[in-house]
Amino acid sequence: MKCICGNKEFHAHQKCRLDIICDGSGNWLKDSPNDKSACYDAEDPYGPFTCTKCKIEYEELVKCPDCDVVIPNKTKIGLTCKGCGHIFI
């Protein structure tokens, strides 16, 4: 899918599991210094999703029924899809 501006990349959030160093109370101190400190298990990205080009924000990435453009959450009546010409009402 792509933004109404044509861009295909979005800022999003993601929960990730990684190895760390903690103290005796279980409080985080620092990332693990070994090579295994990279994220080894991650959940699906979640919103809000923000276009990296035009900065429009989407709560969800839902595509236009007629093409691969993401439908804006706060769609203005009469907004025309730049991908197919679909008019959102």
Protein backbone atom coordinates (compact mmCIF):
# COMPACT_ATOMS: atom_id res chain seq x y z
CA MET A 1 0.00 0.00 0.00
CA LYS A 2 1.01 3.59 -0.41
CA CYS A 3 0.14 6.98 1.01
CA ILE A 4 -2.10 9.34 -0.94
CA CYS A 5 1.14 11.22 -1.79
CA GLY A 6 2.54 8.05 -3.46
CA ASN A 7 5.11 7.19 -0.77
CA LYS A 8 5.31 3.55 0.38
CA GLU A 9 7.07 3.98 3.75
CA PHE A 10 5.51 4.82 7.12
CA HIS A 11 6.77 5.47 10.64
CA ALA A 12 5.09 2.99 13.03
CA HIS A 13 5.55 1.34 16.41
CA GLN A 14 6.60 -2.24 17.19
CA LYS A 15 7.09 -4.28 20.34
CA CYS A 16 10.35 -6.20 20.25
CA ARG A 17 12.10 -8.66 22.55
CA LEU A 18 15.85 -8.47 23.06
CA ASP A 19 18.49 -9.51 25.57
CA ILE A 20 19.54 -6.93 28.19
CA ILE A 21 21.56 -6.58 31.39
CA CYS A 22 19.53 -5.94 34.56
CA ASP A 23 20.29 -5.44 38.24
CA GLY A 24 19.30 -7.74 41.12
CA SER A 25 15.86 -6.10 41.29
CA GLY A 26 15.14 -6.81 37.62
CA ASN A 27 15.56 -3.20 36.51
CA TRP A 28 17.06 -2.55 33.07
CA LEU A 29 20.67 -1.34 33.17
CA LYS A 30 21.85 -1.57 29.55
CA ASP A 31 21.57 -3.57 26.37
CA SER A 32 23.44 -6.86 26.28
CA PRO A 33 26.96 -6.33 24.85
CA ASN A 34 27.00 -9.58 22.87
CA ASP A 35 25.97 -10.07 19.24
CA LYS A 36 22.62 -11.54 20.33
CA SER A 37 21.32 -8.18 21.59
CA ALA A 38 19.43 -7.59 18.36
CA CYS A 39 15.66 -8.01 18.36
CA TYR A 40 14.89 -11.71 18.13
CA ASP A 41 11.11 -11.66 18.38
CA ALA A 42 8.79 -8.88 17.29
CA GLU A 43 5.08 -8.25 17.08
CA ASP A 44 3.42 -6.72 14.03
CA PRO A 45 3.86 -2.96 13.62
CA TYR A 46 0.97 -0.85 14.90
CA GLY A 47 -0.21 2.71 14.44
CA PRO A 48 -0.50 5.44 14.26
CA PHE A 49 1.30 5.12 10.93
CA THR A 50 2.87 8.37 9.65
CA CYS A 51 3.99 8.83 6.06
CA THR A 52 7.75 9.41 5.97
CA LYS A 53 7.29 11.91 3.11
CA CYS A 54 4.18 14.07 3.65
CA LYS A 55 3.66 13.26 7.39
CA ILE A 56 -0.07 12.42 7.07
CA GLU A 57 -1.11 10.16 9.94
CA TYR A 58 -3.20 7.00 9.63
CA GLU A 59 -4.59 5.02 12.59
CA GLU A 60 -4.67 1.90 10.41
CA LEU A 61 -3.37 1.02 6.96
CA VAL A 62 -6.60 0.32 5.09
CA LYS A 63 -6.41 0.42 1.32
CA CYS A 64 -8.77 2.13 -1.08
CA PRO A 65 -11.29 -0.39 -2.44
CA ASP A 66 -10.19 0.40 -6.00
CA CYS A 67 -6.38 0.59 -5.73
CA ASP A 68 -3.44 0.22 -3.30
CA VAL A 69 -3.61 3.73 -1.77
CA VAL A 70 -4.19 3.98 2.00
CA ILE A 71 -7.50 5.58 2.97
CA PRO A 72 -7.06 8.55 5.34
CA ASN A 73 -8.80 8.09 8.71
CA LYS A 74 -10.23 11.57 8.77
CA THR A 75 -11.26 11.53 5.12
CA LYS A 76 -12.58 14.82 3.88
CA ILE A 77 -15.78 14.53 1.86
CA GLY A 78 -14.90 14.86 -1.79
CA LEU A 79 -11.22 13.87 -1.36
CA THR A 80 -10.10 12.12 -4.53
CA CYS A 81 -7.77 9.10 -4.34
CA LYS A 82 -4.56 9.97 -6.17
CA GLY A 83 -4.15 6.33 -7.16
CA CYS A 84 -7.43 5.65 -8.99
CA GLY A 85 -9.63 8.75 -8.81
CA HIS A 86 -11.99 7.15 -6.26
CA ILE A 87 -13.93 9.90 -4.45
CA PHE A 88 -14.32 9.33 -0.71
CA ILE A 89 -17.78 10.21 0.56
